[in-house]
PDB file of N, CA and C in Angstrom:
ATOM      1  N   MET A   1      69.421  95.181  52.628  1.00  0.00           N
ATOM      2  CA  MET A   1      68.029  94.773  52.569  1.00  0.00           C
ATOM      3  C   MET A   1      67.693  94.048  53.883  1.00  0.00           C
ATOM      4  N   SER A   2      66.543  94.359  54.410  1.00  0.00           N
ATOM      5  CA  SER A   2      66.125  93.772  55.681  1.00  0.00           C
ATOM      6  C   SER A   2      65.760  92.293  55.492  1.00  0.00           C
ATOM      7  N   PRO A   3      65.795  91.511  56.575  1.00  0.00           N
ATOM      8  CA  PRO A   3      65.404  90.094  56.473  1.00  0.00           C
ATOM      9  C   PRO A   3      63.964  89.914  55.979  1.00  0.00           C
ATOM     10  N   GLU A   4      63.087  90.836  56.356  1.00  0.00           N
ATOM     11  CA  GLU A   4      61.696  90.742  55.915  1.00  0.00           C
ATOM     12  C   GLU A   4      61.587  90.913  54.402  1.00  0.00           C
ATOM     13  N   ARG A   5      62.315  91.877  53.854  1.00  0.00           N
ATOM     14  CA  ARG A   5      62.310  92.111  52.404  1.00  0.00           C
ATOM     15  C   ARG A   5      62.901  90.907  51.674  1.00  0.00           C
ATOM     16  N   ARG A   6      63.979  90.335  52.216  1.00  0.00           N
ATOM     17  CA  ARG A   6      64.577  89.148  51.593  1.00  0.00           C
ATOM     18  C   ARG A   6      63.586  88.000  51.574  1.00  0.00           C
ATOM     19  N   LEU A   7      62.817  87.860  52.645  1.00  0.00           N
ATOM     20  CA  LEU A   7      61.810  86.810  52.717  1.00  0.00           C
ATOM     21  C   LEU A   7      60.735  87.005  51.653  1.00  0.00           C
ATOM     22  N   VAL A   8      60.287  88.247  51.456  1.00  0.00           N
ATOM     23  CA  VAL A   8      59.281  88.540  50.437  1.00  0.00           C
ATOM     24  C   VAL A   8      59.803  88.156  49.057  1.00  0.00           C
ATOM     25  N   PHE A   9      61.032  88.525  48.745  1.00  0.00           N
ATOM     26  CA  PHE A   9      61.599  88.200  47.439  1.00  0.00           C
ATOM     27  C   PHE A   9      61.836  86.698  47.298  1.00  0.00           C
ATOM     28  N   SER A  10      62.231  86.038  48.382  1.00  0.00           N
ATOM     29  CA  SER A  10      62.453  84.592  48.340  1.00  0.00           C
ATOM     30  C   SER A  10      61.156  83.838  48.073  1.00  0.00           C
ATOM     31  N   ILE A  11      60.078  84.226  48.761  1.00  0.00           N
ATOM     32  CA  ILE A  11      58.779  83.584  48.536  1.00  0.00           C
ATOM     33  C   ILE A  11      58.306  83.851  47.114  1.00  0.00           C
ATOM     34  N   GLY A  12      58.464  85.083  46.663  1.00  0.00           N
ATOM     35  CA  GLY A  12      58.077  85.424  45.302  1.00  0.00           C
ATOM     36  C   GLY A  12      58.824  84.600  44.269  1.00  0.00           C
ATOM     37  N   GLU A  13      60.109  84.407  44.494  1.00  0.00           N
ATOM     38  CA  GLU A  13      60.907  83.604  43.558  1.00  0.00           C
ATOM     39  C   GLU A  13      60.414  82.163  43.511  1.00  0.00           C
ATOM     40  N   ARG A  14      60.172  81.575  44.672  1.00  0.00           N
ATOM     41  CA  ARG A  14      59.729  80.175  44.722  1.00  0.00           C
ATOM     42  C   ARG A  14      58.339  79.974  44.132  1.00  0.00           C
ATOM     43  N   LEU A  15      57.478  80.992  44.271  1.00  0.00           N
ATOM     44  CA  LEU A  15      56.109  80.879  43.765  1.00  0.00           C
ATOM     45  C   LEU A  15      55.943  81.442  42.366  1.00  0.00           C
ATOM     46  N   GLY A  16      57.012  82.035  41.814  1.00  0.00           N
ATOM     47  CA  GLY A  16      56.923  82.635  40.495  1.00  0.00           C
ATOM     48  C   GLY A  16      56.062  83.891  40.495  1.00  0.00           C
ATOM     49  N   MET A  17      56.115  84.635  41.588  1.00  0.00           N
ATOM     50  CA  MET A  17      55.312  85.851  41.746  1.00  0.00           C
ATOM     51  C   MET A  17      56.247  87.037  41.956  1.00  0.00           C
ATOM     52  N   SER A  18      55.740  88.216  41.716  1.00  0.00           N
ATOM     53  CA  SER A  18      56.522  89.417  42.012  1.00  0.00           C
ATOM     54  C   SER A  18      56.465  89.700  43.517  1.00  0.00           C
ATOM     55  N   ALA A  19      57.401  90.506  43.977  1.00  0.00           N
ATOM     56  CA  ALA A  19      57.402  90.899  45.387  1.00  0.00           C
ATOM     57  C   ALA A  19      56.130  91.685  45.722  1.00  0.00           C
ATOM     58  N   ALA A  20      55.643  92.463  44.753  1.00  0.00           N
ATOM     59  CA  ALA A  20      54.405  93.227  44.981  1.00  0.00           C
ATOM     60  C   ALA A  20      53.224  92.288  45.188  1.00  0.00           C
ATOM     61  N   ALA A  21      53.169  91.195  44.424  1.00  0.00           N
ATOM     62  CA  ALA A  21      52.079  90.226  44.586  1.00  0.00           C
ATOM     63  C   ALA A  21      52.169  89.544  45.947  1.00  0.00           C
ATOM     64  N   VAL A  22      53.384  89.249  46.386  1.00  0.00           N
ATOM     65  CA  VAL A  22      53.560  88.637  47.709  1.00  0.00           C
ATOM     66  C   VAL A  22      53.149  89.627  48.787  1.00  0.00           C
ATOM     67  N   ASP A  23      53.459  90.908  48.601  1.00  0.00           N
ATOM     68  CA  ASP A  23      53.054  91.947  49.561  1.00  0.00           C
ATOM     69  C   ASP A  23      51.546  92.019  49.716  1.00  0.00           C
ATOM     70  N   ARG A  24      50.807  91.728  48.647  1.00  0.00           N
ATOM     71  CA  ARG A  24      49.341  91.780  48.703  1.00  0.00           C
ATOM     72  C   ARG A  24      48.748  90.542  49.378  1.00  0.00           C
ATOM     73  N   MET A  25      49.544  89.510  49.598  1.00  0.00           N
ATOM     74  CA  MET A  25      49.036  88.303  50.258  1.00  0.00           C
ATOM     75  C   MET A  25      48.759  88.611  51.725  1.00  0.00           C
ATOM     76  N   SER A  26      47.838  87.865  52.313  1.00  0.00           N
ATOM     77  CA  SER A  26      47.554  88.057  53.732  1.00  0.00           C
ATOM     78  C   SER A  26      48.698  87.468  54.555  1.00  0.00           C
ATOM     79  N   ALA A  27      48.770  87.903  55.791  1.00  0.00           N
ATOM     80  CA  ALA A  27      49.807  87.383  56.690  1.00  0.00           C
ATOM     81  C   ALA A  27      49.665  85.877  56.856  1.00  0.00           C
ATOM     82  N   ARG A  28      48.445  85.396  56.862  1.00  0.00           N
ATOM     83  CA  ARG A  28      48.199  83.960  57.009  1.00  0.00           C
ATOM     84  C   ARG A  28      48.730  83.181  55.800  1.00  0.00           C
ATOM     85  N   GLU A  29      48.526  83.727  54.590  1.00  0.00           N
ATOM     86  CA  GLU A  29      49.039  83.079  53.390  1.00  0.00           C
ATOM     87  C   GLU A  29      50.563  83.029  53.404  1.00  0.00           C
ATOM     88  N   VAL A  30      51.185  84.155  53.739  1.00  0.00           N
ATOM     89  CA  VAL A  30      52.646  84.215  53.787  1.00  0.00           C
ATOM     90  C   VAL A  30      53.174  83.232  54.819  1.00  0.00           C
ATOM     91  N   GLN A  31      52.567  83.203  55.995  1.00  0.00           N
ATOM     92  CA  GLN A  31      53.023  82.282  57.045  1.00  0.00           C
ATOM     93  C   GLN A  31      52.857  80.836  56.592  1.00  0.00           C
ATOM     94  N   GLY A  32      51.795  80.537  55.881  1.00  0.00           N
ATOM     95  CA  GLY A  32      51.590  79.183  55.368  1.00  0.00           C
ATOM     96  C   GLY A  32      52.694  78.769  54.411  1.00  0.00           C
ATOM     97  N   TRP A  33      53.084  79.667  53.498  1.00  0.00           N
ATOM     98  CA  TRP A  33      54.169  79.351  52.561  1.00  0.00           C
ATOM     99  C   TRP A  33      55.500  79.236  53.284  1.00  0.00           C
ATOM    100  N   VAL A  34      55.761  80.095  54.268  1.00  0.00           N
ATOM    101  CA  VAL A  34      56.999  80.006  55.046  1.00  0.00           C
ATOM    102  C   VAL A  34      57.059  78.657  55.755  1.00  0.00           C
ATOM    103  N   ASP A  35      55.954  78.262  56.392  1.00  0.00           N
ATOM    104  CA  ASP A  35      55.905  76.970  57.070  1.00  0.00           C
ATOM    105  C   ASP A  35      56.099  75.822  56.080  1.00  0.00           C
ATOM    106  N   TYR A  36      55.466  75.920  54.921  1.00  0.00           N
ATOM    107  CA  TYR A  36      55.568  74.875  53.903  1.00  0.00           C
ATOM    108  C   TYR A  36      57.015  74.690  53.472  1.00  0.00           C
ATOM    109  N   PHE A  37      57.690  75.784  53.145  1.00  0.00           N
ATOM    110  CA  PHE A  37      59.063  75.669  52.689  1.00  0.00           C
ATOM    111  C   PHE A  37      60.006  75.309  53.832  1.00  0.00           C
ATOM    112  N   SER A  38      59.716  75.732  55.062  1.00  0.00           N
ATOM    113  CA  SER A  38      60.531  75.357  56.210  1.00  0.00           C
ATOM    114  C   SER A  38      60.412  73.866  56.490  1.00  0.00           C
ATOM    115  N   ASP A  39      59.192  73.335  56.422  1.00  0.00           N
ATOM    116  CA  ASP A  39      58.980  71.899  56.629  1.00  0.00           C
ATOM    117  C   ASP A  39      59.692  71.095  55.562  1.00  0.00           C
ATOM    118  N   ALA A  40      59.694  71.588  54.326  1.00  0.00           N
ATOM    119  CA  ALA A  40      60.369  70.891  53.227  1.00  0.00           C
ATOM    120  C   ALA A  40      61.871  70.877  53.466  1.00  0.00           C
ATOM    121  N   GLY A  41      62.398  71.971  54.020  1.00  0.00           N
ATOM    122  CA  GLY A  41      63.826  72.032  54.313  1.00  0.00           C
ATOM    123  C   GLY A  41      64.227  71.052  55.399  1.00  0.00           C
ATOM    124  N   GLN A  42      63.358  70.849  56.372  1.00  0.00           N
ATOM    125  CA  GLN A  42      63.651  69.902  57.442  1.00  0.00           C
ATOM    126  C   GLN A  42      63.497  68.466  56.978  1.00  0.00           C
ATOM    127  N   ALA A  43      62.732  68.253  55.910  1.00  0.00           N
ATOM    128  CA  ALA A  43      62.497  66.905  55.398  1.00  0.00           C
ATOM    129  C   ALA A  43      63.482  66.553  54.288  1.00  0.00           C
ATOM    130  N   GLY A  44      64.657  67.176  54.294  1.00  0.00           N
ATOM    131  CA  GLY A  44      65.659  66.849  53.303  1.00  0.00           C
ATOM    132  C   GLY A  44      65.584  67.708  52.060  1.00  0.00           C
ATOM    133  N   GLY A  45      64.822  68.795  52.096  1.00  0.00           N
ATOM    134  CA  GLY A  45      64.761  69.716  50.982  1.00  0.00           C
ATOM    135  C   GLY A  45      63.857  69.287  49.851  1.00  0.00           C
ATOM    136  N   GLN A  46      63.083  68.241  50.047  1.00  0.00           N
ATOM    137  CA  GLN A  46      62.207  67.783  48.983  1.00  0.00           C
ATOM    138  C   GLN A  46      60.798  68.318  49.215  1.00  0.00           C
ATOM    139  N   VAL A  47      60.327  69.086  48.255  1.00  0.00           N
ATOM    140  CA  VAL A  47      58.971  69.613  48.298  1.00  0.00           C
ATOM    141  C   VAL A  47      58.083  68.620  47.572  1.00  0.00           C
ATOM    142  N   PRO A  48      56.969  68.205  48.168  1.00  0.00           N
ATOM    143  CA  PRO A  48      56.103  67.237  47.498  1.00  0.00           C
ATOM    144  C   PRO A  48      55.611  67.758  46.147  1.00  0.00           C
ATOM    145  N   ALA A  49      55.454  66.848  45.211  1.00  0.00           N
ATOM    146  CA  ALA A  49      54.963  67.214  43.884  1.00  0.00           C
ATOM    147  C   ALA A  49      53.511  67.675  43.993  1.00  0.00           C
ATOM    148  N   PRO A  50      53.117  68.665  43.204  1.00  0.00           N
ATOM    149  CA  PRO A  50      51.736  69.161  43.285  1.00  0.00           C
ATOM    150  C   PRO A  50      50.693  68.072  43.022  1.00  0.00           C
ATOM    151  N   ASP A  51      51.024  67.079  42.195  1.00  0.00           N
ATOM    152  CA  ASP A  51      50.041  66.039  41.898  1.00  0.00           C
ATOM    153  C   ASP A  51      49.859  65.046  43.039  1.00  0.00           C
ATOM    154  N   SER A  52      50.654  65.168  44.106  1.00  0.00           N
ATOM    155  CA  SER A  52      50.496  64.273  45.257  1.00  0.00           C
ATOM    156  C   SER A  52      49.521  64.847  46.288  1.00  0.00           C
ATOM    157  N   ALA A  53      48.919  65.978  45.976  1.00  0.00           N
ATOM    158  CA  ALA A  53      47.980  66.612  46.894  1.00  0.00           C
ATOM    159  C   ALA A  53      46.674  65.821  46.946  1.00  0.00           C
ATOM    160  N   VAL A  54      46.030  65.894  48.092  1.00  0.00           N
ATOM    161  CA  VAL A  54      44.742  65.230  48.271  1.00  0.00           C
ATOM    162  C   VAL A  54      43.668  66.071  47.588  1.00  0.00           C
ATOM    163  N   PRO A  55      42.847  65.479  46.731  1.00  0.00           N
ATOM    164  CA  PRO A  55      41.774  66.255  46.096  1.00  0.00           C
ATOM    165  C   PRO A  55      40.778  66.763  47.141  1.00  0.00           C
ATOM    166  N   LEU A  56      40.474  68.044  47.080  1.00  0.00           N
ATOM    167  CA  LEU A  56      39.563  68.632  48.064  1.00  0.00           C
ATOM    168  C   LEU A  56      38.180  68.006  48.008  1.00  0.00           C
ATOM    169  N   ALA A  57      37.751  67.578  46.821  1.00  0.00           N
ATOM    170  CA  ALA A  57      36.419  66.980  46.684  1.00  0.00           C
ATOM    171  C   ALA A  57      36.297  65.679  47.469  1.00  0.00           C
ATOM    172  N   SER A  58      37.423  65.035  47.761  1.00  0.00           N
ATOM    173  CA  SER A  58      37.375  63.762  48.482  1.00  0.00           C
ATOM    174  C   SER A  58      37.390  63.943  50.001  1.00  0.00           C
ATOM    175  N   MET A  59      37.575  65.186  50.462  1.00  0.00           N
ATOM    176  CA  MET A  59      37.656  65.434  51.903  1.00  0.00           C
ATOM    177  C   MET A  59      36.278  65.749  52.470  1.00  0.00           C
ATOM    178  N   SER A  60      36.067  65.329  53.717  1.00  0.00           N
ATOM    179  CA  SER A  60      34.800  65.642  54.386  1.00  0.00           C
ATOM    180  C   SER A  60      34.786  67.112  54.798  1.00  0.00           C
ATOM    181  N   LYS A  61      33.609  67.611  55.152  1.00  0.00           N
ATOM    182  CA  LYS A  61      33.505  69.004  55.591  1.00  0.00           C
ATOM    183  C   LYS A  61      34.353  69.250  56.834  1.00  0.00           C
ATOM    184  N   ALA A  62      34.361  68.303  57.741  1.00  0.00           N
ATOM    185  CA  ALA A  62      35.160  68.446  58.965  1.00  0.00           C
ATOM    186  C   ALA A  62      36.648  68.524  58.642  1.00  0.00           C
ATOM    187  N   ALA A  63      37.095  67.693  57.692  1.00  0.00           N
ATOM    188  CA  ALA A  63      38.509  67.711  57.312  1.00  0.00           C
ATOM    189  C   ALA A  63      38.872  69.033  56.625  1.00  0.00           C
ATOM    190  N   LEU A  64      37.967  69.543  55.794  1.00  0.00           N
ATOM    191  CA  LEU A  64      38.221  70.826  55.140  1.00  0.00           C
ATOM    192  C   LEU A  64      38.301  71.959  56.159  1.00  0.00           C
ATOM    193  N   ARG A  65      37.386  71.950  57.118  1.00  0.00           N
ATOM    194  CA  ARG A  65      37.435  72.988  58.163  1.00  0.00           C
ATOM    195  C   ARG A  65      38.731  72.912  58.930  1.00  0.00           C
ATOM    196  N   ALA A  66      39.160  71.725  59.260  1.00  0.00           N
ATOM    197  CA  ALA A  66      40.404  71.553  60.018  1.00  0.00           C
ATOM    198  C   ALA A  66      41.603  72.021  59.202  1.00  0.00           C
ATOM    199  N   ALA A  67      41.565  71.834  57.897  1.00  0.00           N
ATOM    200  CA  ALA A  67      42.689  72.223  57.053  1.00  0.00           C
ATOM    201  C   ALA A  67      42.772  73.726  56.841  1.00  0.00           C
ATOM    202  N   PHE A  68      41.630  74.404  56.781  1.00  0.00           N
ATOM    203  CA  PHE A  68      41.644  75.811  56.417  1.00  0.00           C
ATOM    204  C   PHE A  68      41.305  76.771  57.540  1.00  0.00           C
ATOM    205  N   HIS A  69      40.840  76.292  58.657  1.00  0.00           N
ATOM    206  CA  HIS A  69      40.474  77.173  59.767  1.00  0.00           C
ATOM    207  C   HIS A  69      41.256  76.773  61.002  1.00  0.00           C
ATOM    208  N   LYS A  70      42.164  77.652  61.386  1.00  0.00           N
ATOM    209  CA  LYS A  70      42.975  77.364  62.583  1.00  0.00           C
ATOM    210  C   LYS A  70      42.558  78.258  63.703  1.00  0.00           C
TER     211      LYS A  70
END
């Protein structure tokens, strides 16, 4: 199996999705998840809890643009 295929299955496993669902994701979404899990690995393997996320309603428009538009 190629490294790319292994990556698709690895992301699918971590997100609880099938490989086909990961294949339908955009390249930007896949890269975001790869970066997220890579950053977690460098930070001692701890992925932040979902409830520690900043509520989007509390962010300004400028902050939202900065977060979602690169």
